[in-house]
Amino acid sequence: MARWTVGERREALVEAALRVMARDGLAAGTTRAVVAEAGMSLASFHYAFVSRDELLAELVRRVVGRELTAATAGMDPAAGLAGCLRAAAGGYLEHLGADPGAEQLMLELTLHAVREPALRAVAREQYRAYTDAAAALLEQAAELTGSSWNRPVGELARLLVTLVDGATTTWLVDHDTEATRRTLEAAVELLVGRYAA
């Protein structure tokens, strides 16, 4: 372990934390459980992270990055703006179905953080990351298709986060993928029909 760089330790600990918390819940993700999952000593954790909150913030960035990658991977400019956004919705929904534990963890983290003043900064960072990812997706889809938006992208990104958040939570409850797909398609129709220039 002594030969690992700080970056490598952080990477291994974030992945271990994601496995533990996606599988067993946020409360199970103690520093001891995370280092045990990573096969490291407790000292290794403190060498890589100042606190568990710092680890949680990095975990949020990792999950949101994977969501954005899944959403943007299948966008095809030839499909037009609506087609790109439908592909993004489909990519996200496939990601959700393949790794529901990560999304459940994000919901659990949000609900826990709004009750714990010490964690509110993590929740704010989580939703800032969601909004930034949504803005990047909307900008990328518009750029790919030579389209534009008639409202500020920041406003539309917040709307998109609100819609996807609701769809995700509902899917986590009922696992009705087709109903969620239709919901996300309705969100695309709303965005393109009302806000595309």
C-alpha atoms as a PDB file:
ATOM      1  CA  MET A   1       0.000   0.000   0.000  1.00  0.00           C
ATOM      2  CA  ALA A   2       2.930   2.362   0.717  1.00  0.00           C
ATOM      3  CA  ARG A   3       3.646   2.710  -2.993  1.00  0.00           C
ATOM      4  CA  TRP A   4       0.176   3.976  -3.870  1.00  0.00           C
ATOM      5  CA  THR A   5      -0.129   7.645  -4.732  1.00  0.00           C
ATOM      6  CA  VAL A   6      -2.673   9.791  -2.925  1.00  0.00           C
ATOM      7  CA  GLY A   7      -4.741   9.816  -6.130  1.00  0.00           C
ATOM      8  CA  GLU A   8      -4.752   6.021  -6.311  1.00  0.00           C
ATOM      9  CA  ARG A   9      -5.763   5.744  -2.655  1.00  0.00           C
ATOM     10  CA  ARG A  10      -8.555   8.269  -3.156  1.00  0.00           C
ATOM     11  CA  GLU A  11      -9.783   6.380  -6.223  1.00  0.00           C
ATOM     12  CA  ALA A  12      -9.831   3.045  -4.388  1.00  0.00           C
ATOM     13  CA  LEU A  13     -11.555   4.541  -1.347  1.00  0.00           C
ATOM     14  CA  VAL A  14     -14.248   6.298  -3.390  1.00  0.00           C
ATOM     15  CA  GLU A  15     -15.024   3.086  -5.270  1.00  0.00           C
ATOM     16  CA  ALA A  16     -15.066   1.120  -2.002  1.00  0.00           C
ATOM     17  CA  ALA A  17     -17.375   3.701  -0.403  1.00  0.00           C
ATOM     18  CA  LEU A  18     -19.701   3.537  -3.386  1.00  0.00           C
ATOM     19  CA  ARG A  19     -19.859  -0.262  -3.180  1.00  0.00           C
ATOM     20  CA  VAL A  20     -20.500  -0.283   0.571  1.00  0.00           C
ATOM     21  CA  MET A  21     -23.097   2.491   0.593  1.00  0.00           C
ATOM     22  CA  ALA A  22     -24.911   1.416  -2.573  1.00  0.00           C
ATOM     23  CA  ARG A  23     -25.181  -2.087  -1.147  1.00  0.00           C
ATOM     24  CA  ASP A  24     -25.794  -1.404   2.557  1.00  0.00           C
ATOM     25  CA  GLY A  25     -26.906   2.241   2.821  1.00  0.00           C
ATOM     26  CA  LEU A  26     -25.371   5.553   3.795  1.00  0.00           C
ATOM     27  CA  ALA A  27     -25.160   4.760   7.519  1.00  0.00           C
ATOM     28  CA  ALA A  28     -23.124   1.625   6.782  1.00  0.00           C
ATOM     29  CA  GLY A  29     -20.473   3.692   5.022  1.00  0.00           C
ATOM     30  CA  THR A  30     -18.316   4.360   8.049  1.00  0.00           C
ATOM     31  CA  THR A  31     -14.650   5.049   7.474  1.00  0.00           C
ATOM     32  CA  ARG A  32     -13.857   1.652   9.000  1.00  0.00           C
ATOM     33  CA  ALA A  33     -16.249  -0.131   6.617  1.00  0.00           C
ATOM     34  CA  VAL A  34     -14.849   1.758   3.634  1.00  0.00           C
ATOM     35  CA  VAL A  35     -11.214   0.980   4.404  1.00  0.00           C
ATOM     36  CA  ALA A  36     -12.105  -2.658   5.074  1.00  0.00           C
ATOM     37  CA  GLU A  37     -13.834  -2.840   1.674  1.00  0.00           C
ATOM     38  CA  ALA A  38     -10.795  -1.239   0.035  1.00  0.00           C
ATOM     39  CA  GLY A  39      -8.370  -3.528   1.886  1.00  0.00           C
ATOM     40  CA  MET A  40      -6.592  -0.567   3.476  1.00  0.00           C
ATOM     41  CA  SER A  41      -5.753   0.617   6.963  1.00  0.00           C
ATOM     42  CA  LEU A  42      -7.624   3.416   8.698  1.00  0.00           C
ATOM     43  CA  ALA A  43      -4.473   5.529   8.409  1.00  0.00           C
ATOM     44  CA  SER A  44      -4.728   5.204   4.621  1.00  0.00           C
ATOM     45  CA  PHE A  45      -8.127   6.907   4.734  1.00  0.00           C
ATOM     46  CA  HIS A  46      -6.787   9.887   6.660  1.00  0.00           C
ATOM     47  CA  TYR A  47      -3.828  10.085   4.319  1.00  0.00           C
ATOM     48  CA  ALA A  48      -6.182  10.440   1.335  1.00  0.00           C
ATOM     49  CA  PHE A  49      -9.148  12.389   2.785  1.00  0.00           C
ATOM     50  CA  VAL A  50      -9.480  15.035   5.464  1.00  0.00           C
ATOM     51  CA  SER A  51     -12.915  13.741   6.496  1.00  0.00           C
ATOM     52  CA  ARG A  52     -15.795  11.468   5.574  1.00  0.00           C
ATOM     53  CA  ASP A  53     -17.600  14.557   4.227  1.00  0.00           C
ATOM     54  CA  GLU A  54     -14.782  15.108   1.754  1.00  0.00           C
ATOM     55  CA  LEU A  55     -15.141  11.482   0.661  1.00  0.00           C
ATOM     56  CA  LEU A  56     -18.910  11.940   0.256  1.00  0.00           C
ATOM     57  CA  ALA A  57     -18.386  15.042  -1.892  1.00  0.00           C
ATOM     58  CA  GLU A  58     -15.994  13.100  -4.135  1.00  0.00           C
ATOM     59  CA  LEU A  59     -18.451  10.201  -4.282  1.00  0.00           C
ATOM     60  CA  VAL A  60     -21.187  12.611  -5.444  1.00  0.00           C
ATOM     61  CA  ARG A  61     -18.931  13.937  -8.216  1.00  0.00           C
ATOM     62  CA  ARG A  62     -18.175  10.372  -9.310  1.00  0.00           C
ATOM     63  CA  VAL A  63     -21.834   9.301  -9.468  1.00  0.00           C
ATOM     64  CA  VAL A  64     -22.953  12.465 -11.280  1.00  0.00           C
ATOM     65  CA  GLY A  65     -20.090  12.113 -13.757  1.00  0.00           C
ATOM     66  CA  ARG A  66     -21.181   8.570 -14.547  1.00  0.00           C
ATOM     67  CA  GLU A  67     -24.774   9.721 -14.991  1.00  0.00           C
ATOM     68  CA  LEU A  68     -23.689  12.395 -17.478  1.00  0.00           C
ATOM     69  CA  THR A  69     -21.478   9.968 -19.380  1.00  0.00           C
ATOM     70  CA  ALA A  70     -24.357   7.480 -19.642  1.00  0.00           C
ATOM     71  CA  ALA A  71     -26.732  10.194 -20.803  1.00  0.00           C
ATOM     72  CA  THR A  72     -24.477  11.733 -23.456  1.00  0.00           C
ATOM     73  CA  ALA A  73     -22.928   8.555 -24.878  1.00  0.00           C
ATOM     74  CA  GLY A  74     -25.688   7.836 -27.411  1.00  0.00           C
ATOM     75  CA  MET A  75     -26.509  11.332 -28.626  1.00  0.00           C
ATOM     76  CA  ASP A  76     -26.560  11.478 -32.448  1.00  0.00           C
ATOM     77  CA  PRO A  77     -26.674  14.893 -34.150  1.00  0.00           C
ATOM     78  CA  ALA A  78     -28.608  13.417 -37.065  1.00  0.00           C
ATOM     79  CA  ALA A  79     -31.505  12.681 -34.717  1.00  0.00           C
ATOM     80  CA  GLY A  80     -32.055  16.373 -34.045  1.00  0.00           C
ATOM     81  CA  LEU A  81     -32.415  18.057 -30.685  1.00  0.00           C
ATOM     82  CA  ALA A  82     -35.375  15.968 -29.528  1.00  0.00           C
ATOM     83  CA  GLY A  83     -33.664  12.780 -30.675  1.00  0.00           C
ATOM     84  CA  CYS A  84     -30.481  13.669 -28.790  1.00  0.00           C
ATOM     85  CA  LEU A  85     -32.441  14.342 -25.630  1.00  0.00           C
ATOM     86  CA  ARG A  86     -34.444  11.118 -26.032  1.00  0.00           C
ATOM     87  CA  ALA A  87     -31.167   9.213 -26.401  1.00  0.00           C
ATOM     88  CA  ALA A  88     -29.869  10.971 -23.277  1.00  0.00           C
ATOM     89  CA  ALA A  89     -33.007   9.997 -21.361  1.00  0.00           C
ATOM     90  CA  GLY A  90     -32.648   6.414 -22.553  1.00  0.00           C
ATOM     91  CA  GLY A  91     -28.972   6.296 -21.603  1.00  0.00           C
ATOM     92  CA  TYR A  92     -29.719   7.641 -18.151  1.00  0.00           C
ATOM     93  CA  LEU A  93     -32.598   5.205 -17.648  1.00  0.00           C
ATOM     94  CA  GLU A  94     -30.381   2.283 -18.682  1.00  0.00           C
ATOM     95  CA  HIS A  95     -27.753   3.485 -16.209  1.00  0.00           C
ATOM     96  CA  LEU A  96     -30.390   3.752 -13.480  1.00  0.00           C
ATOM     97  CA  GLY A  97     -31.583   0.210 -14.121  1.00  0.00           C
ATOM     98  CA  ALA A  98     -28.035  -1.152 -14.140  1.00  0.00           C
ATOM     99  CA  ASP A  99     -26.969   0.546 -10.905  1.00  0.00           C
ATOM    100  CA  PRO A 100     -29.999   1.481  -8.795  1.00  0.00           C
ATOM    101  CA  GLY A 101     -28.006   1.318  -5.574  1.00  0.00           C
ATOM    102  CA  ALA A 102     -25.934   4.365  -6.559  1.00  0.00           C
ATOM    103  CA  GLU A 103     -29.065   6.398  -7.266  1.00  0.00           C
ATOM    104  CA  GLN A 104     -30.719   5.207  -4.072  1.00  0.00           C
ATOM    105  CA  LEU A 105     -27.595   6.295  -2.209  1.00  0.00           C
ATOM    106  CA  MET A 106     -27.812   9.761  -3.776  1.00  0.00           C
ATOM    107  CA  LEU A 107     -31.426  10.088  -2.615  1.00  0.00           C
ATOM    108  CA  GLU A 108     -30.523   8.834   0.847  1.00  0.00           C
ATOM    109  CA  LEU A 109     -27.618  11.281   1.029  1.00  0.00           C
ATOM    110  CA  THR A 110     -29.895  14.189   0.079  1.00  0.00           C
ATOM    111  CA  LEU A 111     -32.520  13.361   2.675  1.00  0.00           C
ATOM    112  CA  HIS A 112     -29.941  12.779   5.381  1.00  0.00           C
ATOM    113  CA  ALA A 113     -28.021  15.952   4.547  1.00  0.00           C
ATOM    114  CA  VAL A 114     -31.008  18.270   4.750  1.00  0.00           C
ATOM    115  CA  ARG A 115     -31.524  17.131   8.367  1.00  0.00           C
ATOM    116  CA  GLU A 116     -27.869  17.388   9.332  1.00  0.00           C
ATOM    117  CA  PRO A 117     -26.488  20.942   9.251  1.00  0.00           C
ATOM    118  CA  ALA A 118     -22.945  19.587   8.983  1.00  0.00           C
ATOM    119  CA  LEU A 119     -23.824  17.792   5.740  1.00  0.00           C
ATOM    120  CA  ARG A 120     -25.874  20.510   4.051  1.00  0.00           C
ATOM    121  CA  ALA A 121     -22.807  21.604   2.103  1.00  0.00           C
ATOM    122  CA  VAL A 122     -22.600  18.088   0.623  1.00  0.00           C
ATOM    123  CA  ALA A 123     -26.261  18.247  -0.450  1.00  0.00           C
ATOM    124  CA  ARG A 124     -25.741  21.691  -1.998  1.00  0.00           C
ATOM    125  CA  GLU A 125     -22.697  20.367  -3.855  1.00  0.00           C
ATOM    126  CA  GLN A 126     -24.729  17.360  -4.992  1.00  0.00           C
ATOM    127  CA  TYR A 127     -27.447  19.523  -6.531  1.00  0.00           C
ATOM    128  CA  ARG A 128     -24.914  21.968  -7.958  1.00  0.00           C
ATOM    129  CA  ALA A 129     -23.277  18.969  -9.662  1.00  0.00           C
ATOM    130  CA  TYR A 130     -26.662  17.770 -10.960  1.00  0.00           C
ATOM    131  CA  THR A 131     -27.460  21.225 -12.332  1.00  0.00           C
ATOM    132  CA  ASP A 132     -24.022  21.603 -13.925  1.00  0.00           C
ATOM    133  CA  ALA A 133     -24.383  18.177 -15.559  1.00  0.00           C
ATOM    134  CA  ALA A 134     -27.866  19.027 -16.845  1.00  0.00           C
ATOM    135  CA  ALA A 135     -26.570  22.324 -18.258  1.00  0.00           C
ATOM    136  CA  ALA A 136     -23.678  20.509 -19.956  1.00  0.00           C
ATOM    137  CA  LEU A 137     -26.102  18.004 -21.475  1.00  0.00           C
ATOM    138  CA  LEU A 138     -28.446  20.729 -22.775  1.00  0.00           C
ATOM    139  CA  GLU A 139     -25.550  22.740 -24.195  1.00  0.00           C
ATOM    140  CA  GLN A 140     -24.023  19.672 -25.829  1.00  0.00           C
ATOM    141  CA  ALA A 141     -27.324  18.633 -27.415  1.00  0.00           C
ATOM    142  CA  ALA A 142     -27.901  22.155 -28.751  1.00  0.00           C
ATOM    143  CA  GLU A 143     -24.353  22.438 -30.090  1.00  0.00           C
ATOM    144  CA  LEU A 144     -24.461  19.008 -31.746  1.00  0.00           C
ATOM    145  CA  THR A 145     -27.681  19.841 -33.567  1.00  0.00           C
ATOM    146  CA  GLY A 146     -27.117  23.527 -34.322  1.00  0.00           C
ATOM    147  CA  SER A 147     -30.022  24.411 -32.039  1.00  0.00           C
ATOM    148  CA  SER A 148     -30.424  26.959 -29.273  1.00  0.00           C
ATOM    149  CA  TRP A 149     -32.522  27.514 -26.183  1.00  0.00           C
ATOM    150  CA  ASN A 150     -34.850  30.502 -25.714  1.00  0.00           C
ATOM    151  CA  ARG A 151     -34.382  30.547 -21.922  1.00  0.00           C
ATOM    152  CA  PRO A 152     -31.134  30.670 -19.938  1.00  0.00           C
ATOM    153  CA  VAL A 153     -29.587  27.212 -19.836  1.00  0.00           C
ATOM    154  CA  GLY A 154     -29.216  27.472 -16.044  1.00  0.00           C
ATOM    155  CA  GLU A 155     -32.981  27.789 -15.650  1.00  0.00           C
ATOM    156  CA  LEU A 156     -33.629  24.881 -18.003  1.00  0.00           C
ATOM    157  CA  ALA A 157     -30.993  22.788 -16.237  1.00  0.00           C
ATOM    158  CA  ARG A 158     -32.783  23.301 -12.914  1.00  0.00           C
ATOM    159  CA  LEU A 159     -36.068  22.291 -14.560  1.00  0.00           C
ATOM    160  CA  LEU A 160     -34.434  19.204 -16.032  1.00  0.00           C
ATOM    161  CA  VAL A 161     -32.954  18.220 -12.661  1.00  0.00           C
ATOM    162  CA  THR A 162     -36.370  18.587 -11.040  1.00  0.00           C
ATOM    163  CA  LEU A 163     -38.013  16.401 -13.688  1.00  0.00           C
ATOM    164  CA  VAL A 164     -35.318  13.720 -13.673  1.00  0.00           C
ATOM    165  CA  ASP A 165     -35.151  13.720  -9.874  1.00  0.00           C
ATOM    166  CA  GLY A 166     -38.868  12.982  -9.670  1.00  0.00           C
ATOM    167  CA  ALA A 167     -38.685  10.331 -12.367  1.00  0.00           C
ATOM    168  CA  THR A 168     -35.731   8.678 -10.625  1.00  0.00           C
ATOM    169  CA  THR A 169     -37.406   8.600  -7.220  1.00  0.00           C
ATOM    170  CA  THR A 170     -40.591   7.187  -8.715  1.00  0.00           C
ATOM    171  CA  TRP A 171     -38.611   4.496 -10.565  1.00  0.00           C
ATOM    172  CA  LEU A 172     -36.769   3.566  -7.367  1.00  0.00           C
ATOM    173  CA  VAL A 173     -40.174   2.949  -5.783  1.00  0.00           C
ATOM    174  CA  ASP A 174     -41.981   1.104  -8.583  1.00  0.00           C
ATOM    175  CA  HIS A 175     -39.236  -0.060 -11.007  1.00  0.00           C
ATOM    176  CA  ASP A 176     -41.651   0.644 -13.875  1.00  0.00           C
ATOM    177  CA  THR A 177     -39.112   1.328 -16.598  1.00  0.00           C
ATOM    178  CA  GLU A 178     -41.643   1.859 -19.393  1.00  0.00           C
ATOM    179  CA  ALA A 179     -43.659   4.369 -17.387  1.00  0.00           C
ATOM    180  CA  THR A 180     -40.454   6.200 -16.505  1.00  0.00           C
ATOM    181  CA  ARG A 181     -39.386   6.189 -20.152  1.00  0.00           C
ATOM    182  CA  ARG A 182     -42.701   7.811 -21.092  1.00  0.00           C
ATOM    183  CA  THR A 183     -42.247  10.390 -18.328  1.00  0.00           C
ATOM    184  CA  LEU A 184     -38.779  11.275 -19.584  1.00  0.00           C
ATOM    185  CA  GLU A 185     -40.076  11.470 -23.175  1.00  0.00           C
ATOM    186  CA  ALA A 186     -42.737  13.912 -21.981  1.00  0.00           C
ATOM    187  CA  ALA A 187     -39.953  15.957 -20.367  1.00  0.00           C
ATOM    188  CA  VAL A 188     -38.127  16.029 -23.714  1.00  0.00           C
ATOM    189  CA  GLU A 189     -41.305  17.163 -25.492  1.00  0.00           C
ATOM    190  CA  LEU A 190     -41.736  19.935 -22.931  1.00  0.00           C
ATOM    191  CA  LEU A 191     -38.155  21.146 -23.227  1.00  0.00           C
ATOM    192  CA  VAL A 192     -37.979  21.038 -27.014  1.00  0.00           C
ATOM    193  CA  GLY A 193     -41.542  22.155 -27.696  1.00  0.00           C
ATOM    194  CA  ARG A 194     -41.482  25.086 -25.340  1.00  0.00           C
ATOM    195  CA  TYR A 195     -37.882  26.133 -24.900  1.00  0.00           C
ATOM    196  CA  ALA A 196     -35.975  25.306 -28.115  1.00  0.00           C
ATOM    197  CA  ALA A 197     -35.427  28.318 -30.339  1.00  0.00           C
END
